[in-house]
N, C-alpha and C. Protein backbone atom coordinates (compact mmCIF):
# COMPACT_ATOMS: atom_id res chain seq x y z
N MET A 1 -25.29 -92.12 -20.05
CA MET A 1 -24.59 -92.60 -18.86
C MET A 1 -24.73 -91.57 -17.73
N LYS A 2 -25.04 -92.06 -16.57
CA LYS A 2 -25.20 -91.17 -15.44
C LYS A 2 -23.85 -90.72 -14.92
N ALA A 3 -23.68 -89.42 -14.76
CA ALA A 3 -22.40 -88.89 -14.30
C ALA A 3 -22.19 -89.24 -12.84
N HIS A 4 -20.92 -89.54 -12.50
CA HIS A 4 -20.59 -89.84 -11.11
C HIS A 4 -20.36 -88.54 -10.36
N VAL A 5 -21.03 -88.37 -9.24
CA VAL A 5 -20.89 -87.17 -8.43
C VAL A 5 -19.96 -87.47 -7.26
N HIS A 6 -18.86 -86.75 -7.21
CA HIS A 6 -17.90 -86.95 -6.13
C HIS A 6 -18.39 -86.25 -4.87
N PRO A 7 -18.24 -86.89 -3.72
CA PRO A 7 -18.67 -86.27 -2.48
C PRO A 7 -17.77 -85.10 -2.12
N ALA A 8 -18.28 -84.23 -1.23
CA ALA A 8 -17.50 -83.10 -0.76
C ALA A 8 -16.28 -83.60 -0.02
N PRO A 9 -15.19 -82.82 0.01
CA PRO A 9 -13.98 -83.27 0.67
C PRO A 9 -14.14 -83.50 2.16
N GLU A 10 -15.02 -82.77 2.81
CA GLU A 10 -15.30 -83.02 4.21
C GLU A 10 -16.31 -84.16 4.31
N ALA A 11 -16.66 -84.54 5.54
CA ALA A 11 -17.65 -85.61 5.71
C ALA A 11 -18.94 -85.22 4.99
N THR A 12 -19.52 -86.18 4.27
CA THR A 12 -20.71 -85.88 3.49
C THR A 12 -21.99 -86.14 4.28
N ALA A 13 -21.87 -86.50 5.53
CA ALA A 13 -23.03 -86.72 6.37
C ALA A 13 -22.64 -86.49 7.82
N LEU A 14 -23.63 -86.25 8.66
CA LEU A 14 -23.37 -86.02 10.07
C LEU A 14 -23.35 -87.32 10.87
N TYR A 15 -23.64 -88.44 10.19
CA TYR A 15 -23.65 -89.73 10.85
C TYR A 15 -22.85 -90.75 10.04
N ALA A 16 -22.18 -91.64 10.74
CA ALA A 16 -21.46 -92.73 10.09
C ALA A 16 -22.46 -93.78 9.61
N LEU A 17 -22.00 -94.71 8.79
CA LEU A 17 -22.89 -95.76 8.29
C LEU A 17 -23.48 -96.58 9.43
N SER A 18 -22.76 -96.65 10.54
CA SER A 18 -23.25 -97.41 11.70
C SER A 18 -24.35 -96.66 12.44
N GLY A 19 -24.55 -95.37 12.09
CA GLY A 19 -25.53 -94.56 12.79
C GLY A 19 -24.92 -93.70 13.88
N ALA A 20 -23.60 -93.85 14.11
CA ALA A 20 -22.93 -93.07 15.14
C ALA A 20 -22.78 -91.61 14.69
N ARG A 21 -23.03 -90.70 15.60
CA ARG A 21 -22.94 -89.28 15.31
C ARG A 21 -21.48 -88.85 15.15
N LYS A 22 -21.23 -87.95 14.19
CA LYS A 22 -19.86 -87.50 13.90
C LYS A 22 -19.53 -86.14 14.51
N TYR A 23 -20.47 -85.51 15.18
CA TYR A 23 -20.23 -84.18 15.72
C TYR A 23 -20.52 -84.14 17.22
N LEU A 24 -19.86 -83.23 17.91
CA LEU A 24 -20.14 -83.01 19.32
C LEU A 24 -21.38 -82.13 19.45
N ASN A 25 -22.31 -82.52 20.31
CA ASN A 25 -23.46 -81.67 20.55
C ASN A 25 -23.11 -80.60 21.58
N ALA A 26 -24.07 -79.73 21.90
CA ALA A 26 -23.79 -78.59 22.78
C ALA A 26 -23.34 -79.04 24.17
N ASP A 27 -23.98 -80.05 24.73
CA ASP A 27 -23.59 -80.53 26.06
C ASP A 27 -22.19 -81.11 26.04
N GLU A 28 -21.87 -81.84 24.99
CA GLU A 28 -20.53 -82.43 24.88
C GLU A 28 -19.46 -81.36 24.69
N ARG A 29 -19.80 -80.31 23.96
CA ARG A 29 -18.84 -79.21 23.79
C ARG A 29 -18.55 -78.53 25.12
N ARG A 30 -19.57 -78.38 25.95
CA ARG A 30 -19.35 -77.79 27.28
C ARG A 30 -18.47 -78.69 28.13
N ALA A 31 -18.69 -79.99 28.05
CA ALA A 31 -17.87 -80.94 28.81
C ALA A 31 -16.42 -80.89 28.35
N VAL A 32 -16.23 -80.79 27.04
CA VAL A 32 -14.87 -80.69 26.49
C VAL A 32 -14.20 -79.41 26.96
N LEU A 33 -14.93 -78.32 26.95
CA LEU A 33 -14.37 -77.04 27.37
C LEU A 33 -13.95 -77.09 28.85
N ASP A 34 -14.73 -77.76 29.67
CA ASP A 34 -14.37 -77.92 31.08
C ASP A 34 -13.06 -78.68 31.23
N GLU A 35 -12.87 -79.72 30.43
CA GLU A 35 -11.65 -80.52 30.50
C GLU A 35 -10.45 -79.75 29.94
N ILE A 36 -10.67 -78.96 28.92
CA ILE A 36 -9.58 -78.16 28.35
C ILE A 36 -9.02 -77.22 29.41
N ASP A 37 -9.89 -76.68 30.26
CA ASP A 37 -9.45 -75.75 31.29
C ASP A 37 -8.52 -76.38 32.32
N THR A 38 -8.44 -77.71 32.34
CA THR A 38 -7.56 -78.38 33.31
C THR A 38 -6.18 -78.69 32.73
N LEU A 39 -5.97 -78.42 31.45
CA LEU A 39 -4.70 -78.75 30.80
C LEU A 39 -3.59 -77.77 31.19
N PRO A 40 -2.32 -78.19 31.06
CA PRO A 40 -1.20 -77.25 31.22
C PRO A 40 -1.34 -76.12 30.21
N LEU A 41 -0.74 -74.96 30.50
CA LEU A 41 -0.99 -73.74 29.75
C LEU A 41 -0.85 -73.89 28.24
N ASP A 42 0.30 -74.37 27.74
CA ASP A 42 0.50 -74.44 26.29
C ASP A 42 -0.52 -75.35 25.62
N ARG A 43 -0.81 -76.46 26.24
CA ARG A 43 -1.79 -77.39 25.68
C ARG A 43 -3.19 -76.81 25.76
N ARG A 44 -3.46 -76.09 26.84
CA ARG A 44 -4.78 -75.47 26.98
C ARG A 44 -5.00 -74.42 25.90
N LEU A 45 -4.01 -73.59 25.63
CA LEU A 45 -4.15 -72.56 24.61
C LEU A 45 -4.30 -73.17 23.22
N PHE A 46 -3.58 -74.25 22.97
CA PHE A 46 -3.71 -74.96 21.69
C PHE A 46 -5.12 -75.50 21.52
N ALA A 47 -5.63 -76.18 22.55
CA ALA A 47 -6.97 -76.78 22.47
C ALA A 47 -8.05 -75.71 22.37
N LEU A 48 -7.88 -74.60 23.08
CA LEU A 48 -8.86 -73.52 23.01
C LEU A 48 -8.88 -72.88 21.62
N THR A 49 -7.72 -72.78 20.98
CA THR A 49 -7.68 -72.23 19.63
C THR A 49 -8.42 -73.14 18.66
N LEU A 50 -8.27 -74.43 18.83
CA LEU A 50 -9.04 -75.39 18.02
C LEU A 50 -10.53 -75.23 18.30
N PHE A 51 -10.87 -75.15 19.56
CA PHE A 51 -12.27 -75.11 19.98
C PHE A 51 -12.99 -73.89 19.41
N TRP A 52 -12.34 -72.72 19.44
CA TRP A 52 -13.01 -71.48 19.06
C TRP A 52 -12.84 -71.09 17.61
N THR A 53 -12.07 -71.84 16.85
CA THR A 53 -11.92 -71.53 15.42
C THR A 53 -12.50 -72.59 14.51
N GLY A 54 -12.70 -73.82 15.03
CA GLY A 54 -13.18 -74.90 14.17
C GLY A 54 -12.15 -75.31 13.15
N ALA A 55 -10.89 -74.95 13.38
CA ALA A 55 -9.83 -75.26 12.42
C ALA A 55 -9.36 -76.70 12.57
N ARG A 56 -8.61 -77.15 11.60
CA ARG A 56 -8.01 -78.47 11.65
C ARG A 56 -6.73 -78.41 12.49
N ILE A 57 -6.32 -79.56 13.03
CA ILE A 57 -5.11 -79.59 13.86
C ILE A 57 -3.90 -79.04 13.12
N SER A 58 -3.70 -79.46 11.88
CA SER A 58 -2.54 -79.01 11.12
C SER A 58 -2.59 -77.51 10.87
N GLU A 59 -3.79 -76.95 10.73
CA GLU A 59 -3.92 -75.51 10.51
C GLU A 59 -3.53 -74.73 11.76
N VAL A 60 -3.92 -75.22 12.93
CA VAL A 60 -3.57 -74.54 14.18
C VAL A 60 -2.08 -74.70 14.47
N LEU A 61 -1.53 -75.86 14.19
CA LEU A 61 -0.10 -76.07 14.42
C LEU A 61 0.76 -75.21 13.49
N ALA A 62 0.18 -74.73 12.41
CA ALA A 62 0.92 -73.88 11.46
C ALA A 62 0.86 -72.40 11.84
N LEU A 63 0.14 -72.07 12.91
CA LEU A 63 0.00 -70.67 13.30
C LEU A 63 1.31 -70.11 13.86
N ARG A 64 1.58 -68.86 13.49
CA ARG A 64 2.79 -68.17 13.93
C ARG A 64 2.39 -66.88 14.64
N GLY A 65 3.35 -66.22 15.22
CA GLY A 65 3.03 -64.98 15.91
C GLY A 65 2.37 -63.97 15.02
N LEU A 66 2.85 -63.89 13.78
CA LEU A 66 2.30 -62.91 12.83
C LEU A 66 0.93 -63.31 12.29
N SER A 67 0.45 -64.50 12.64
CA SER A 67 -0.89 -64.92 12.22
C SER A 67 -1.98 -64.17 12.96
N PHE A 68 -1.62 -63.56 14.09
CA PHE A 68 -2.62 -62.90 14.95
C PHE A 68 -2.54 -61.38 14.84
N GLN A 69 -3.72 -60.77 14.94
CA GLN A 69 -3.83 -59.32 15.06
C GLN A 69 -4.55 -59.05 16.38
N PRO A 70 -3.79 -58.96 17.47
CA PRO A 70 -4.42 -58.81 18.80
C PRO A 70 -5.34 -57.62 18.91
N SER A 71 -4.99 -56.49 18.27
CA SER A 71 -5.83 -55.29 18.38
C SER A 71 -7.19 -55.48 17.72
N ARG A 72 -7.26 -56.35 16.71
CA ARG A 72 -8.52 -56.62 16.02
C ARG A 72 -9.20 -57.89 16.53
N GLY A 73 -8.45 -58.70 17.26
CA GLY A 73 -9.03 -59.93 17.77
C GLY A 73 -9.29 -60.96 16.70
N VAL A 74 -8.39 -61.07 15.71
CA VAL A 74 -8.57 -62.04 14.63
C VAL A 74 -7.30 -62.86 14.44
N VAL A 75 -7.47 -64.01 13.84
CA VAL A 75 -6.36 -64.87 13.47
C VAL A 75 -6.48 -65.21 11.99
N ALA A 76 -5.37 -65.23 11.30
CA ALA A 76 -5.34 -65.59 9.88
C ALA A 76 -4.85 -67.02 9.76
N ILE A 77 -5.69 -67.88 9.20
CA ILE A 77 -5.39 -69.31 9.11
C ILE A 77 -5.16 -69.70 7.65
N HIS A 78 -4.05 -70.39 7.44
CA HIS A 78 -3.77 -70.93 6.10
C HIS A 78 -4.65 -72.15 5.88
N THR A 79 -5.60 -72.05 4.97
CA THR A 79 -6.56 -73.12 4.73
C THR A 79 -5.92 -74.30 4.02
N LEU A 80 -6.05 -75.46 4.61
CA LEU A 80 -5.56 -76.68 3.99
C LEU A 80 -6.65 -77.29 3.10
N LYS A 81 -6.29 -78.32 2.37
CA LYS A 81 -7.21 -79.05 1.50
C LYS A 81 -7.80 -78.13 0.42
N ARG A 82 -7.02 -77.17 -0.04
CA ARG A 82 -7.41 -76.31 -1.15
C ARG A 82 -6.29 -76.34 -2.19
N ARG A 83 -6.66 -76.38 -3.46
CA ARG A 83 -5.64 -76.44 -4.51
C ARG A 83 -4.82 -75.16 -4.58
N ARG A 84 -5.47 -74.04 -4.33
CA ARG A 84 -4.78 -72.77 -4.34
C ARG A 84 -4.60 -72.27 -2.91
N ARG A 85 -3.50 -71.55 -2.71
CA ARG A 85 -3.23 -71.01 -1.38
C ARG A 85 -4.37 -70.07 -0.98
N ALA A 86 -4.87 -70.26 0.23
CA ALA A 86 -5.98 -69.44 0.72
C ALA A 86 -5.78 -69.15 2.20
N ILE A 87 -6.01 -67.92 2.57
CA ILE A 87 -5.92 -67.49 3.96
C ILE A 87 -7.29 -66.98 4.40
N ARG A 88 -7.78 -67.46 5.51
CA ARG A 88 -9.05 -66.99 6.02
C ARG A 88 -8.86 -66.34 7.39
N GLU A 89 -9.55 -65.25 7.62
CA GLU A 89 -9.51 -64.56 8.90
C GLU A 89 -10.72 -64.95 9.73
N LEU A 90 -10.48 -65.22 11.01
CA LEU A 90 -11.56 -65.56 11.92
C LEU A 90 -11.46 -64.71 13.18
N PRO A 91 -12.60 -64.32 13.74
CA PRO A 91 -12.58 -63.66 15.05
C PRO A 91 -12.36 -64.70 16.14
N VAL A 92 -11.64 -64.32 17.17
CA VAL A 92 -11.42 -65.21 18.31
C VAL A 92 -11.75 -64.45 19.59
N PRO A 93 -12.15 -65.16 20.64
CA PRO A 93 -12.52 -64.48 21.88
C PRO A 93 -11.39 -63.59 22.40
N PRO A 94 -11.71 -62.38 22.86
CA PRO A 94 -10.68 -61.48 23.38
C PRO A 94 -9.84 -62.12 24.48
N SER A 95 -10.48 -62.90 25.35
CA SER A 95 -9.75 -63.55 26.45
C SER A 95 -8.69 -64.50 25.93
N LEU A 96 -8.97 -65.17 24.81
CA LEU A 96 -8.00 -66.09 24.22
C LEU A 96 -6.83 -65.32 23.61
N VAL A 97 -7.12 -64.24 22.91
CA VAL A 97 -6.06 -63.43 22.31
C VAL A 97 -5.14 -62.87 23.39
N ILE A 98 -5.72 -62.39 24.47
CA ILE A 98 -4.93 -61.84 25.57
C ILE A 98 -4.03 -62.92 26.17
N ALA A 99 -4.60 -64.11 26.39
CA ALA A 99 -3.83 -65.21 26.97
C ALA A 99 -2.70 -65.64 26.04
N LEU A 100 -2.96 -65.70 24.75
CA LEU A 100 -1.92 -66.07 23.78
C LEU A 100 -0.80 -65.04 23.75
N ASP A 101 -1.20 -63.77 23.79
CA ASP A 101 -0.19 -62.70 23.73
C ASP A 101 0.66 -62.68 24.99
N ARG A 102 0.04 -62.93 26.12
CA ARG A 102 0.80 -62.97 27.37
C ARG A 102 1.79 -64.14 27.38
N ARG A 103 1.36 -65.25 26.85
CA ARG A 103 2.22 -66.44 26.87
C ARG A 103 3.33 -66.36 25.83
N PHE A 104 3.02 -65.91 24.62
CA PHE A 104 3.98 -66.00 23.52
C PHE A 104 4.57 -64.65 23.08
N ASN A 105 3.97 -63.54 23.52
CA ASN A 105 4.40 -62.22 23.02
C ASN A 105 4.37 -62.26 21.49
N LEU A 106 3.17 -62.29 20.94
CA LEU A 106 2.95 -62.58 19.53
C LEU A 106 3.76 -61.70 18.59
N ALA A 107 3.85 -60.40 18.88
CA ALA A 107 4.61 -59.50 18.02
C ALA A 107 6.08 -59.89 17.98
N ALA A 108 6.64 -60.23 19.13
CA ALA A 108 8.05 -60.61 19.18
C ALA A 108 8.28 -61.99 18.57
N LEU A 109 7.26 -62.85 18.66
CA LEU A 109 7.39 -64.20 18.12
C LEU A 109 7.53 -64.17 16.61
N GLY A 110 6.85 -63.25 15.96
CA GLY A 110 7.00 -63.06 14.52
C GLY A 110 6.66 -64.29 13.71
N ASP A 111 7.61 -64.79 12.95
CA ASP A 111 7.39 -65.90 12.03
C ASP A 111 7.57 -67.27 12.69
N ALA A 112 7.86 -67.28 13.98
CA ALA A 112 8.06 -68.56 14.67
C ALA A 112 6.71 -69.19 15.03
N LEU A 113 6.70 -70.49 15.11
CA LEU A 113 5.49 -71.24 15.44
C LEU A 113 5.15 -71.11 16.92
N LEU A 114 3.85 -71.07 17.21
CA LEU A 114 3.42 -71.08 18.60
C LEU A 114 3.62 -72.46 19.21
N TRP A 115 3.23 -73.49 18.45
CA TRP A 115 3.32 -74.86 18.94
C TRP A 115 4.13 -75.70 17.96
N PRO A 116 5.43 -75.83 18.17
CA PRO A 116 6.29 -76.60 17.25
C PRO A 116 6.18 -78.11 17.49
N TRP A 117 4.96 -78.60 17.42
CA TRP A 117 4.70 -80.01 17.67
C TRP A 117 4.35 -80.71 16.35
N CYS A 118 4.39 -82.02 16.38
CA CYS A 118 3.90 -82.78 15.23
C CYS A 118 2.39 -82.95 15.35
N ARG A 119 1.76 -83.34 14.26
CA ARG A 119 0.31 -83.49 14.25
C ARG A 119 -0.16 -84.56 15.24
N THR A 120 0.66 -85.61 15.41
CA THR A 120 0.29 -86.69 16.32
C THR A 120 0.17 -86.17 17.76
N THR A 121 1.07 -85.28 18.14
CA THR A 121 1.00 -84.70 19.48
C THR A 121 -0.30 -83.92 19.67
N GLY A 122 -0.64 -83.11 18.67
CA GLY A 122 -1.89 -82.36 18.74
C GLY A 122 -3.10 -83.28 18.83
N TRP A 123 -3.08 -84.35 18.05
CA TRP A 123 -4.19 -85.30 18.07
C TRP A 123 -4.32 -85.96 19.44
N ARG A 124 -3.19 -86.31 20.04
CA ARG A 124 -3.22 -86.97 21.35
C ARG A 124 -3.75 -86.05 22.43
N ILE A 125 -3.45 -84.77 22.33
CA ILE A 125 -3.97 -83.80 23.30
C ILE A 125 -5.49 -83.78 23.26
N ILE A 126 -6.04 -83.68 22.06
CA ILE A 126 -7.50 -83.62 21.92
C ILE A 126 -8.14 -84.95 22.29
N ARG A 127 -7.49 -86.04 21.93
CA ARG A 127 -8.02 -87.35 22.29
C ARG A 127 -8.06 -87.51 23.81
N GLY A 128 -7.03 -87.01 24.49
CA GLY A 128 -6.99 -87.08 25.94
C GLY A 128 -8.12 -86.28 26.57
N VAL A 129 -8.44 -85.13 25.98
CA VAL A 129 -9.55 -84.31 26.46
C VAL A 129 -10.86 -85.08 26.31
N MET A 130 -11.04 -85.73 25.16
CA MET A 130 -12.26 -86.48 24.92
C MET A 130 -12.40 -87.63 25.92
N ASP A 131 -11.30 -88.31 26.20
CA ASP A 131 -11.33 -89.41 27.16
C ASP A 131 -11.69 -88.89 28.56
N ALA A 132 -11.09 -87.75 28.93
CA ALA A 132 -11.36 -87.17 30.25
C ALA A 132 -12.83 -86.76 30.38
N ALA A 133 -13.41 -86.33 29.26
CA ALA A 133 -14.83 -85.95 29.25
C ALA A 133 -15.75 -87.16 29.10
N ARG A 134 -15.16 -88.35 29.01
CA ARG A 134 -15.90 -89.60 28.89
C ARG A 134 -16.74 -89.66 27.62
N LEU A 135 -16.14 -89.18 26.53
CA LEU A 135 -16.81 -89.23 25.24
C LEU A 135 -16.16 -90.30 24.38
N SER A 136 -16.95 -90.90 23.51
CA SER A 136 -16.44 -91.96 22.65
C SER A 136 -17.14 -91.92 21.30
N GLY A 137 -16.67 -92.75 20.39
CA GLY A 137 -17.25 -92.80 19.06
C GLY A 137 -16.63 -91.78 18.12
N PRO A 138 -17.14 -91.70 16.88
CA PRO A 138 -16.57 -90.79 15.88
C PRO A 138 -16.57 -89.32 16.31
N ALA A 139 -17.52 -88.92 17.14
CA ALA A 139 -17.59 -87.52 17.56
C ALA A 139 -16.45 -87.14 18.50
N ALA A 140 -15.90 -88.12 19.20
CA ALA A 140 -14.84 -87.86 20.17
C ALA A 140 -13.49 -87.78 19.48
N SER A 141 -13.32 -86.78 18.65
CA SER A 141 -12.13 -86.63 17.82
C SER A 141 -11.96 -85.18 17.43
N PRO A 142 -10.79 -84.80 16.92
CA PRO A 142 -10.61 -83.43 16.43
C PRO A 142 -11.64 -83.05 15.36
N ARG A 143 -11.96 -84.00 14.49
CA ARG A 143 -12.96 -83.71 13.46
C ARG A 143 -14.34 -83.51 14.08
N GLY A 144 -14.65 -84.30 15.10
CA GLY A 144 -15.92 -84.12 15.80
C GLY A 144 -16.00 -82.76 16.46
N LEU A 145 -14.85 -82.26 16.96
CA LEU A 145 -14.81 -80.92 17.54
C LEU A 145 -15.04 -79.87 16.47
N ARG A 146 -14.46 -80.07 15.30
CA ARG A 146 -14.64 -79.14 14.18
C ARG A 146 -16.10 -79.13 13.71
N HIS A 147 -16.67 -80.32 13.54
CA HIS A 147 -18.08 -80.40 13.14
C HIS A 147 -18.99 -79.74 14.18
N GLY A 148 -18.69 -79.96 15.46
CA GLY A 148 -19.49 -79.38 16.51
C GLY A 148 -19.44 -77.86 16.51
N PHE A 149 -18.28 -77.31 16.20
CA PHE A 149 -18.14 -75.85 16.09
C PHE A 149 -19.07 -75.31 15.01
N ALA A 150 -19.08 -75.97 13.85
CA ALA A 150 -19.90 -75.51 12.73
C ALA A 150 -21.39 -75.56 13.06
N ILE A 151 -21.82 -76.64 13.67
CA ILE A 151 -23.24 -76.78 14.00
C ILE A 151 -23.64 -75.76 15.07
N ASP A 152 -22.78 -75.56 16.06
CA ASP A 152 -23.08 -74.58 17.10
C ASP A 152 -23.16 -73.17 16.50
N ALA A 153 -22.30 -72.88 15.52
CA ALA A 153 -22.33 -71.56 14.87
C ALA A 153 -23.67 -71.34 14.17
N LEU A 154 -24.15 -72.33 13.46
CA LEU A 154 -25.43 -72.20 12.77
C LEU A 154 -26.58 -72.05 13.76
N ARG A 155 -26.50 -72.74 14.87
CA ARG A 155 -27.55 -72.64 15.89
C ARG A 155 -27.57 -71.27 16.54
N HIS A 156 -26.47 -70.56 16.43
CA HIS A 156 -26.42 -69.19 16.96
C HIS A 156 -26.55 -68.17 15.84
N ALA A 157 -27.19 -68.58 14.76
CA ALA A 157 -27.60 -67.69 13.67
C ALA A 157 -26.43 -67.11 12.86
N VAL A 158 -25.29 -67.79 12.85
CA VAL A 158 -24.22 -67.37 11.95
C VAL A 158 -24.64 -67.71 10.52
N PRO A 159 -24.63 -66.75 9.59
CA PRO A 159 -25.04 -67.04 8.21
C PRO A 159 -24.19 -68.14 7.58
N LEU A 160 -24.83 -68.93 6.73
CA LEU A 160 -24.15 -70.06 6.12
C LEU A 160 -22.93 -69.62 5.31
N THR A 161 -23.05 -68.50 4.60
CA THR A 161 -21.92 -68.02 3.79
C THR A 161 -20.74 -67.59 4.66
N LEU A 162 -21.03 -67.02 5.82
CA LEU A 162 -19.96 -66.64 6.73
C LEU A 162 -19.30 -67.88 7.34
N LEU A 163 -20.12 -68.86 7.68
CA LEU A 163 -19.57 -70.10 8.21
C LEU A 163 -18.69 -70.79 7.17
N GLN A 164 -19.08 -70.71 5.91
CA GLN A 164 -18.27 -71.28 4.85
C GLN A 164 -16.86 -70.68 4.89
N LYS A 165 -16.78 -69.37 5.06
CA LYS A 165 -15.49 -68.68 5.17
C LYS A 165 -14.72 -69.15 6.39
N TRP A 166 -15.40 -69.20 7.53
CA TRP A 166 -14.74 -69.62 8.76
C TRP A 166 -14.18 -71.03 8.66
N MET A 167 -14.92 -71.92 8.00
CA MET A 167 -14.50 -73.31 7.90
C MET A 167 -13.47 -73.55 6.80
N GLY A 168 -13.34 -72.57 5.89
CA GLY A 168 -12.39 -72.73 4.80
C GLY A 168 -12.87 -73.67 3.72
N HIS A 169 -14.20 -73.74 3.53
CA HIS A 169 -14.76 -74.62 2.51
C HIS A 169 -14.74 -73.94 1.14
N ALA A 170 -14.39 -74.68 0.12
CA ALA A 170 -14.39 -74.14 -1.24
C ALA A 170 -15.81 -74.05 -1.78
N ARG A 171 -16.70 -74.93 -1.31
CA ARG A 171 -18.07 -74.98 -1.82
C ARG A 171 -19.08 -74.80 -0.69
N LEU A 172 -20.10 -74.03 -0.96
CA LEU A 172 -21.16 -73.81 0.04
C LEU A 172 -21.89 -75.12 0.34
N ALA A 173 -21.95 -76.01 -0.65
CA ALA A 173 -22.64 -77.28 -0.46
C ALA A 173 -22.00 -78.08 0.67
N THR A 174 -20.69 -77.96 0.84
CA THR A 174 -20.02 -78.66 1.93
C THR A 174 -20.47 -78.11 3.27
N THR A 175 -20.56 -76.79 3.38
CA THR A 175 -20.98 -76.15 4.63
C THR A 175 -22.44 -76.47 4.94
N ALA A 176 -23.26 -76.58 3.91
CA ALA A 176 -24.69 -76.79 4.10
C ALA A 176 -25.01 -78.11 4.79
N ILE A 177 -24.06 -79.03 4.82
CA ILE A 177 -24.27 -80.30 5.51
C ILE A 177 -24.66 -80.07 6.96
N TYR A 178 -24.05 -79.05 7.57
CA TYR A 178 -24.27 -78.81 8.99
C TYR A 178 -25.67 -78.31 9.30
N ALA A 179 -26.34 -77.81 8.30
CA ALA A 179 -27.72 -77.34 8.50
C ALA A 179 -28.68 -78.51 8.71
N ASP A 180 -28.23 -79.74 8.46
CA ASP A 180 -29.08 -80.90 8.65
C ASP A 180 -29.28 -81.26 10.12
N ALA A 181 -28.41 -80.73 10.99
CA ALA A 181 -28.53 -81.06 12.41
C ALA A 181 -29.78 -80.40 12.99
N SER A 182 -30.48 -81.12 13.83
CA SER A 182 -31.70 -80.58 14.44
C SER A 182 -31.34 -79.48 15.43
N GLY A 183 -31.90 -78.29 15.21
CA GLY A 183 -31.60 -77.15 16.06
C GLY A 183 -32.78 -76.72 16.89
N PRO A 184 -32.62 -75.64 17.66
CA PRO A 184 -33.71 -75.15 18.52
C PRO A 184 -34.98 -74.80 17.76
N GLU A 185 -34.84 -74.19 16.56
CA GLU A 185 -36.01 -73.82 15.79
C GLU A 185 -36.79 -75.05 15.35
N GLU A 186 -36.08 -76.07 14.93
CA GLU A 186 -36.74 -77.30 14.50
C GLU A 186 -37.48 -77.95 15.66
N ARG A 187 -36.85 -77.95 16.82
CA ARG A 187 -37.51 -78.53 18.00
C ARG A 187 -38.72 -77.70 18.42
N ALA A 188 -38.65 -76.38 18.18
CA ALA A 188 -39.78 -75.52 18.53
C ALA A 188 -41.00 -75.86 17.67
N PHE A 189 -40.78 -76.11 16.37
CA PHE A 189 -41.88 -76.51 15.51
C PHE A 189 -42.46 -77.85 15.97
N ALA A 190 -41.57 -78.79 16.31
CA ALA A 190 -42.03 -80.09 16.78
C ALA A 190 -42.81 -79.95 18.08
N GLN A 191 -42.35 -79.04 18.94
CA GLN A 191 -43.03 -78.82 20.22
C GLN A 191 -44.47 -78.38 20.00
N GLN A 192 -44.69 -77.55 18.98
CA GLN A 192 -46.05 -77.10 18.68
C GLN A 192 -46.95 -78.28 18.32
N LEU A 193 -46.39 -79.23 17.57
CA LEU A 193 -47.15 -80.42 17.20
C LEU A 193 -47.48 -81.25 18.43
N TRP A 194 -46.49 -81.41 19.32
CA TRP A 194 -46.69 -82.21 20.52
C TRP A 194 -47.76 -81.59 21.42
N VAL A 195 -47.67 -80.27 21.59
CA VAL A 195 -48.63 -79.57 22.46
C VAL A 195 -50.04 -79.68 21.90
N GLU A 196 -50.17 -79.48 20.57
CA GLU A 196 -51.49 -79.55 19.95
C GLU A 196 -52.08 -80.95 20.08
N ALA A 197 -51.25 -81.96 19.83
CA ALA A 197 -51.73 -83.34 19.92
C ALA A 197 -52.15 -83.67 21.35
N SER A 198 -51.37 -83.20 22.31
CA SER A 198 -51.70 -83.46 23.72
C SER A 198 -52.98 -82.75 24.11
N SER A 199 -53.18 -81.54 23.59
CA SER A 199 -54.39 -80.77 23.92
C SER A 199 -55.63 -81.47 23.39
N ARG A 200 -55.53 -81.99 22.16
CA ARG A 200 -56.67 -82.68 21.57
C ARG A 200 -57.00 -83.95 22.37
N ARG A 201 -55.96 -84.62 22.79
CA ARG A 201 -56.18 -85.85 23.56
C ARG A 201 -56.83 -85.53 24.90
N ALA A 202 -56.38 -84.44 25.52
CA ALA A 202 -56.94 -84.07 26.83
C ALA A 202 -58.39 -83.61 26.72
N ALA A 203 -58.77 -83.10 25.53
CA ALA A 203 -60.14 -82.59 25.34
C ALA A 203 -61.15 -83.70 25.08
N ARG A 204 -60.68 -84.91 24.82
CA ARG A 204 -61.60 -86.01 24.55
C ARG A 204 -62.33 -86.43 25.81
N PRO A 205 -63.58 -86.96 25.67
CA PRO A 205 -64.29 -87.52 26.83
C PRO A 205 -63.49 -88.65 27.44
N LEU A 206 -63.71 -88.88 28.70
CA LEU A 206 -62.93 -89.88 29.43
C LEU A 206 -62.99 -91.25 28.77
N HIS A 207 -64.18 -91.62 28.29
CA HIS A 207 -64.34 -92.95 27.70
C HIS A 207 -64.44 -92.87 26.18
N TYR A 208 -63.80 -91.86 25.60
CA TYR A 208 -63.88 -91.68 24.15
C TYR A 208 -63.22 -92.85 23.43
N ASN A 209 -63.94 -93.39 22.44
CA ASN A 209 -63.41 -94.47 21.61
C ASN A 209 -63.66 -94.11 20.17
N PRO A 210 -62.63 -93.79 19.39
CA PRO A 210 -62.85 -93.34 18.01
C PRO A 210 -63.55 -94.37 17.15
N ARG A 211 -63.41 -95.66 17.42
CA ARG A 211 -64.06 -96.71 16.63
C ARG A 211 -65.57 -96.69 16.88
N ARG A 212 -65.98 -96.49 18.12
CA ARG A 212 -67.41 -96.51 18.45
C ARG A 212 -68.10 -95.25 17.92
N SER A 213 -67.31 -94.21 17.68
CA SER A 213 -67.93 -92.95 17.22
C SER A 213 -68.22 -92.97 15.74
N GLN A 214 -67.78 -94.02 15.03
CA GLN A 214 -68.03 -94.10 13.61
C GLN A 214 -69.51 -94.40 13.36
N PRO A 215 -70.15 -93.80 12.35
CA PRO A 215 -71.58 -94.06 12.05
C PRO A 215 -71.79 -95.48 11.56
């Protein structure tokens, strides 16, 4: 009997059955970032934390003052969807840490939540950003933002094992899904094929006919 293989807990493909893409591409991520910058301060900081960590909404909403180490520029995130309690540390942009500390005074905040909102509120904030950026489909979602973060990280040469840690995946096979996205290196190889094919075509005589050249 053939054993049944259970899919990874995250999306097992970068495309839905309909063919719709599940991740934000680089241009869409830039558009989202532009819209995030227009949000009120607390919502902007929440969305930026999601954007730069690739974390899930519930993971970001669970962040407390003591989750951050401003001097090191890292945040400790309680990983969800794991049977055992797991905490992962991620680097965050210095500008974001400074903005968070100015707004919340992280050391004084201590064990209190930065954003005492429900998950629905967080989801609506991100959905509103996607609408403002005129994005639609499965990619226009918090999960699409998370997937886009992972793919962008790989395109910037972040090692797969490090990305696994950042994403909080229990299995490397789950993280490896993101390597399927076409990146700059893949397009560079394809470009070589296109250039070579075009060169050969240009080198042919004006009235070249491959059928007539057969003996």
